[in-house]
């Protein structure tokens, strides 16, 4: 009976370690990124995942109209990785 109980305890500990080190931090980073993207408003300086830097001219549900230089672009809100100096967690360097 000692062997099976030890195996079950080790499996439970392994699941707890995986949750604490991998799953929970990813979930928190995703929530922080979603909150940052939801707070984007007209006039914010943003950087897209493709590296385009611009100023938000119009913010609708899932789409943002940004002005970059002399160009006007429509991008998905989910593609924004930085708002001003606030960087999305896990968004590269």
N, C-alpha and C. Protein backbone atom coordinates (compact mmCIF):
# COMPACT_ATOMS: atom_id res chain seq x y z
N UNK A 1 0.81 -1.19 0.00
CA UNK A 1 0.00 0.00 0.00
C UNK A 1 0.85 1.26 0.00
N UNK A 2 2.07 1.20 0.48
CA UNK A 2 2.95 2.36 0.54
C UNK A 2 3.31 2.84 -0.87
N UNK A 3 3.58 1.95 -1.80
CA UNK A 3 3.97 2.31 -3.16
C UNK A 3 2.90 3.08 -3.91
N UNK A 4 1.67 2.60 -3.98
CA UNK A 4 0.63 3.33 -4.72
C UNK A 4 0.32 4.71 -4.12
N UNK A 5 0.32 4.83 -2.82
CA UNK A 5 0.05 6.12 -2.17
C UNK A 5 1.15 7.13 -2.49
N UNK A 6 2.39 6.68 -2.52
CA UNK A 6 3.51 7.55 -2.84
C UNK A 6 3.41 8.03 -4.29
N UNK A 7 3.02 7.15 -5.19
CA UNK A 7 2.86 7.51 -6.59
C UNK A 7 1.76 8.56 -6.76
N UNK A 8 0.64 8.38 -6.10
CA UNK A 8 -0.46 9.34 -6.17
C UNK A 8 -0.01 10.69 -5.62
N UNK A 9 0.70 10.69 -4.51
CA UNK A 9 1.20 11.94 -3.93
C UNK A 9 2.15 12.66 -4.89
N UNK A 10 3.02 11.91 -5.54
CA UNK A 10 3.95 12.52 -6.49
C UNK A 10 3.21 13.12 -7.69
N UNK A 11 2.19 12.42 -8.18
CA UNK A 11 1.41 12.94 -9.30
C UNK A 11 0.67 14.23 -8.91
N UNK A 12 0.11 14.25 -7.71
CA UNK A 12 -0.59 15.44 -7.24
C UNK A 12 0.39 16.61 -7.12
N UNK A 13 1.56 16.37 -6.57
CA UNK A 13 2.57 17.42 -6.45
C UNK A 13 3.01 17.92 -7.83
N UNK A 14 3.15 17.03 -8.79
CA UNK A 14 3.53 17.42 -10.14
C UNK A 14 2.47 18.33 -10.77
N UNK A 15 1.21 18.00 -10.60
CA UNK A 15 0.13 18.82 -11.13
C UNK A 15 0.13 20.20 -10.47
N UNK A 16 0.34 20.26 -9.17
CA UNK A 16 0.38 21.55 -8.46
C UNK A 16 1.54 22.40 -8.96
N UNK A 17 2.69 21.82 -9.14
CA UNK A 17 3.87 22.56 -9.62
C UNK A 17 3.62 23.09 -11.03
N UNK A 18 3.06 22.28 -11.91
CA UNK A 18 2.76 22.72 -13.27
C UNK A 18 1.77 23.88 -13.24
N UNK A 19 0.76 23.79 -12.40
CA UNK A 19 -0.23 24.87 -12.31
C UNK A 19 0.42 26.17 -11.83
N UNK A 20 1.22 26.08 -10.78
CA UNK A 20 1.81 27.28 -10.19
C UNK A 20 2.85 27.90 -11.11
N UNK A 21 3.64 27.09 -11.81
CA UNK A 21 4.72 27.62 -12.64
C UNK A 21 4.32 27.96 -14.06
N UNK A 22 3.29 27.31 -14.61
CA UNK A 22 2.95 27.52 -16.02
C UNK A 22 1.55 28.10 -16.25
N UNK A 23 0.55 27.45 -15.75
CA UNK A 23 -0.82 27.81 -16.09
C UNK A 23 -1.25 29.13 -15.46
N UNK A 24 -1.02 29.31 -14.19
CA UNK A 24 -1.46 30.52 -13.49
C UNK A 24 -0.80 31.79 -14.03
N UNK A 25 0.53 31.82 -14.23
CA UNK A 25 1.14 33.04 -14.77
C UNK A 25 0.64 33.39 -16.18
N UNK A 26 0.41 32.37 -17.02
CA UNK A 26 -0.10 32.64 -18.36
C UNK A 26 -1.50 33.24 -18.28
N UNK A 27 -2.31 32.73 -17.39
CA UNK A 27 -3.67 33.24 -17.23
C UNK A 27 -3.65 34.69 -16.75
N UNK A 28 -2.79 35.00 -15.81
CA UNK A 28 -2.69 36.37 -15.30
C UNK A 28 -2.18 37.32 -16.38
N UNK A 29 -1.21 36.88 -17.18
CA UNK A 29 -0.68 37.72 -18.25
C UNK A 29 -1.75 37.97 -19.31
N UNK A 30 -2.53 36.96 -19.64
CA UNK A 30 -3.60 37.11 -20.63
C UNK A 30 -4.65 38.11 -20.14
N UNK A 31 -5.02 38.01 -18.86
CA UNK A 31 -6.00 38.95 -18.30
C UNK A 31 -5.48 40.38 -18.30
N UNK A 32 -4.21 40.56 -17.98
CA UNK A 32 -3.62 41.90 -17.97
C UNK A 32 -3.57 42.48 -19.39
N UNK A 33 -3.24 41.65 -20.37
CA UNK A 33 -3.20 42.10 -21.76
C UNK A 33 -4.59 42.49 -22.23
N UNK A 34 -5.59 41.68 -21.92
CA UNK A 34 -6.96 41.98 -22.32
C UNK A 34 -7.45 43.28 -21.67
N UNK A 35 -7.08 43.51 -20.42
CA UNK A 35 -7.48 44.74 -19.73
C UNK A 35 -6.82 45.95 -20.38
N UNK A 36 -5.54 45.83 -20.73
CA UNK A 36 -4.82 46.93 -21.37
C UNK A 36 -5.46 47.25 -22.72
N UNK A 37 -5.78 46.21 -23.50
CA UNK A 37 -6.37 46.41 -24.82
C UNK A 37 -7.79 46.98 -24.72
N UNK A 38 -8.53 46.59 -23.71
CA UNK A 38 -9.90 47.09 -23.54
C UNK A 38 -9.90 48.57 -23.14
N UNK A 39 -8.83 49.04 -22.53
CA UNK A 39 -8.77 50.42 -22.05
C UNK A 39 -8.28 51.41 -23.10
N UNK A 40 -7.97 50.94 -24.31
CA UNK A 40 -7.47 51.84 -25.36
C UNK A 40 -8.57 52.83 -25.73
N UNK A 41 -8.17 54.09 -25.83
CA UNK A 41 -9.14 55.14 -26.17
C UNK A 41 -8.52 56.08 -27.20
N UNK A 42 -9.34 56.94 -27.74
CA UNK A 42 -8.91 57.90 -28.74
C UNK A 42 -7.77 58.76 -28.18
N UNK A 43 -6.73 58.94 -28.98
CA UNK A 43 -5.59 59.77 -28.58
C UNK A 43 -4.42 58.99 -28.01
N UNK A 44 -4.61 57.71 -27.68
CA UNK A 44 -3.52 56.90 -27.13
C UNK A 44 -2.47 56.59 -28.20
N UNK A 45 -1.21 56.60 -27.80
CA UNK A 45 -0.13 56.13 -28.66
C UNK A 45 -0.06 54.62 -28.51
N UNK A 46 -0.05 53.88 -29.64
CA UNK A 46 -0.04 52.43 -29.59
C UNK A 46 1.02 51.86 -30.52
N UNK A 47 1.41 50.63 -30.24
CA UNK A 47 2.32 49.87 -31.10
C UNK A 47 1.64 48.55 -31.39
N UNK A 48 1.59 48.17 -32.67
CA UNK A 48 0.97 46.91 -33.05
C UNK A 48 1.98 45.77 -32.98
N UNK A 49 1.49 44.54 -33.08
CA UNK A 49 2.36 43.38 -33.08
C UNK A 49 3.32 43.40 -34.27
N UNK A 50 2.93 44.07 -35.35
CA UNK A 50 3.79 44.18 -36.53
C UNK A 50 4.80 45.32 -36.44
N UNK A 51 4.74 46.10 -35.37
CA UNK A 51 5.70 47.17 -35.17
C UNK A 51 5.24 48.54 -35.63
N UNK A 52 4.00 48.66 -36.07
CA UNK A 52 3.48 49.96 -36.50
C UNK A 52 3.18 50.81 -35.27
N UNK A 53 3.73 52.02 -35.26
CA UNK A 53 3.51 52.96 -34.17
C UNK A 53 2.55 54.03 -34.67
N UNK A 54 1.53 54.31 -33.87
CA UNK A 54 0.57 55.32 -34.31
C UNK A 54 -0.28 55.83 -33.17
N UNK A 55 -1.14 56.78 -33.50
CA UNK A 55 -2.04 57.39 -32.54
C UNK A 55 -3.46 56.98 -32.89
N UNK A 56 -4.25 56.60 -31.89
CA UNK A 56 -5.60 56.14 -32.11
C UNK A 56 -6.50 57.32 -32.49
N UNK A 57 -7.12 57.22 -33.66
CA UNK A 57 -8.07 58.25 -34.11
C UNK A 57 -9.49 57.87 -33.76
N UNK A 58 -9.80 56.57 -33.81
CA UNK A 58 -11.15 56.10 -33.52
C UNK A 58 -11.05 54.71 -32.92
N UNK A 59 -11.81 54.45 -31.86
CA UNK A 59 -11.80 53.15 -31.19
C UNK A 59 -13.22 52.60 -31.16
N UNK A 60 -13.43 51.54 -31.90
CA UNK A 60 -14.72 50.86 -31.89
C UNK A 60 -14.53 49.51 -31.22
N UNK A 61 -15.54 48.66 -31.24
CA UNK A 61 -15.50 47.39 -30.52
C UNK A 61 -14.19 46.64 -30.70
N UNK A 62 -13.99 46.01 -31.85
CA UNK A 62 -12.80 45.20 -32.04
C UNK A 62 -11.79 45.86 -32.97
N UNK A 63 -12.14 47.00 -33.55
CA UNK A 63 -11.26 47.65 -34.51
C UNK A 63 -10.84 49.03 -34.04
N UNK A 64 -9.60 49.37 -34.35
CA UNK A 64 -9.06 50.69 -34.03
C UNK A 64 -8.60 51.33 -35.33
N UNK A 65 -8.85 52.60 -35.48
CA UNK A 65 -8.29 53.35 -36.60
C UNK A 65 -7.13 54.13 -36.03
N UNK A 66 -5.93 53.85 -36.57
CA UNK A 66 -4.74 54.55 -36.07
C UNK A 66 -4.11 55.35 -37.19
N UNK A 67 -3.48 56.43 -36.81
CA UNK A 67 -2.78 57.29 -37.75
C UNK A 67 -1.29 57.13 -37.48
N UNK A 68 -0.57 56.73 -38.53
CA UNK A 68 0.87 56.53 -38.42
C UNK A 68 1.53 57.31 -39.55
N UNK A 69 2.19 58.38 -39.22
CA UNK A 69 2.76 59.25 -40.26
C UNK A 69 1.62 59.87 -41.03
N UNK A 70 1.61 59.67 -42.34
CA UNK A 70 0.53 60.22 -43.16
C UNK A 70 -0.49 59.14 -43.53
N UNK A 71 -0.32 57.94 -43.01
CA UNK A 71 -1.22 56.83 -43.32
C UNK A 71 -2.25 56.62 -42.21
N UNK A 72 -3.43 56.17 -42.60
CA UNK A 72 -4.47 55.81 -41.66
C UNK A 72 -4.71 54.32 -41.81
N UNK A 73 -4.63 53.59 -40.71
CA UNK A 73 -4.76 52.13 -40.73
C UNK A 73 -5.89 51.69 -39.82
N UNK A 74 -6.53 50.59 -40.19
CA UNK A 74 -7.52 49.97 -39.32
C UNK A 74 -6.91 48.65 -38.85
N UNK A 75 -6.79 48.49 -37.54
CA UNK A 75 -6.19 47.28 -36.98
C UNK A 75 -7.11 46.69 -35.93
N UNK A 76 -6.93 45.41 -35.69
CA UNK A 76 -7.69 44.74 -34.63
C UNK A 76 -7.13 45.16 -33.28
N UNK A 77 -8.01 45.36 -32.34
CA UNK A 77 -7.62 45.74 -30.98
C UNK A 77 -6.67 44.69 -30.38
N UNK A 78 -6.90 43.42 -30.70
CA UNK A 78 -6.09 42.33 -30.14
C UNK A 78 -4.65 42.34 -30.63
N UNK A 79 -4.34 43.10 -31.68
CA UNK A 79 -2.98 43.16 -32.23
C UNK A 79 -2.13 44.25 -31.58
N UNK A 80 -2.68 44.97 -30.62
CA UNK A 80 -1.93 46.03 -29.94
C UNK A 80 -1.10 45.40 -28.82
N UNK A 81 0.20 45.68 -28.82
CA UNK A 81 1.08 45.12 -27.80
C UNK A 81 1.59 46.16 -26.81
N UNK A 82 1.40 47.45 -27.14
CA UNK A 82 1.85 48.49 -26.23
C UNK A 82 0.95 49.71 -26.37
N UNK A 83 0.58 50.27 -25.23
CA UNK A 83 -0.19 51.51 -25.20
C UNK A 83 0.65 52.51 -24.40
N UNK A 84 1.11 53.55 -25.06
CA UNK A 84 2.01 54.50 -24.39
C UNK A 84 3.26 53.78 -23.94
N UNK A 85 3.54 53.81 -22.68
CA UNK A 85 4.69 53.09 -22.13
C UNK A 85 4.29 51.77 -21.50
N UNK A 86 3.01 51.45 -21.50
CA UNK A 86 2.52 50.23 -20.87
C UNK A 86 2.64 49.08 -21.87
N UNK A 87 3.49 48.11 -21.55
CA UNK A 87 3.74 46.98 -22.44
C UNK A 87 2.90 45.79 -22.00
N UNK A 88 2.37 45.06 -22.97
CA UNK A 88 1.59 43.87 -22.67
C UNK A 88 2.51 42.78 -22.12
N UNK A 89 2.08 42.06 -21.07
CA UNK A 89 2.91 40.97 -20.53
C UNK A 89 3.14 39.90 -21.58
N UNK A 90 4.38 39.45 -21.70
CA UNK A 90 4.69 38.38 -22.64
C UNK A 90 4.79 38.84 -24.07
N UNK A 91 4.85 40.12 -24.32
CA UNK A 91 4.90 40.64 -25.69
C UNK A 91 6.33 40.94 -26.09
N UNK A 92 7.14 39.94 -26.24
CA UNK A 92 8.50 40.11 -26.76
C UNK A 92 9.28 41.21 -26.09
N UNK A 93 10.31 41.69 -26.78
CA UNK A 93 11.13 42.77 -26.23
C UNK A 93 10.66 44.02 -26.78
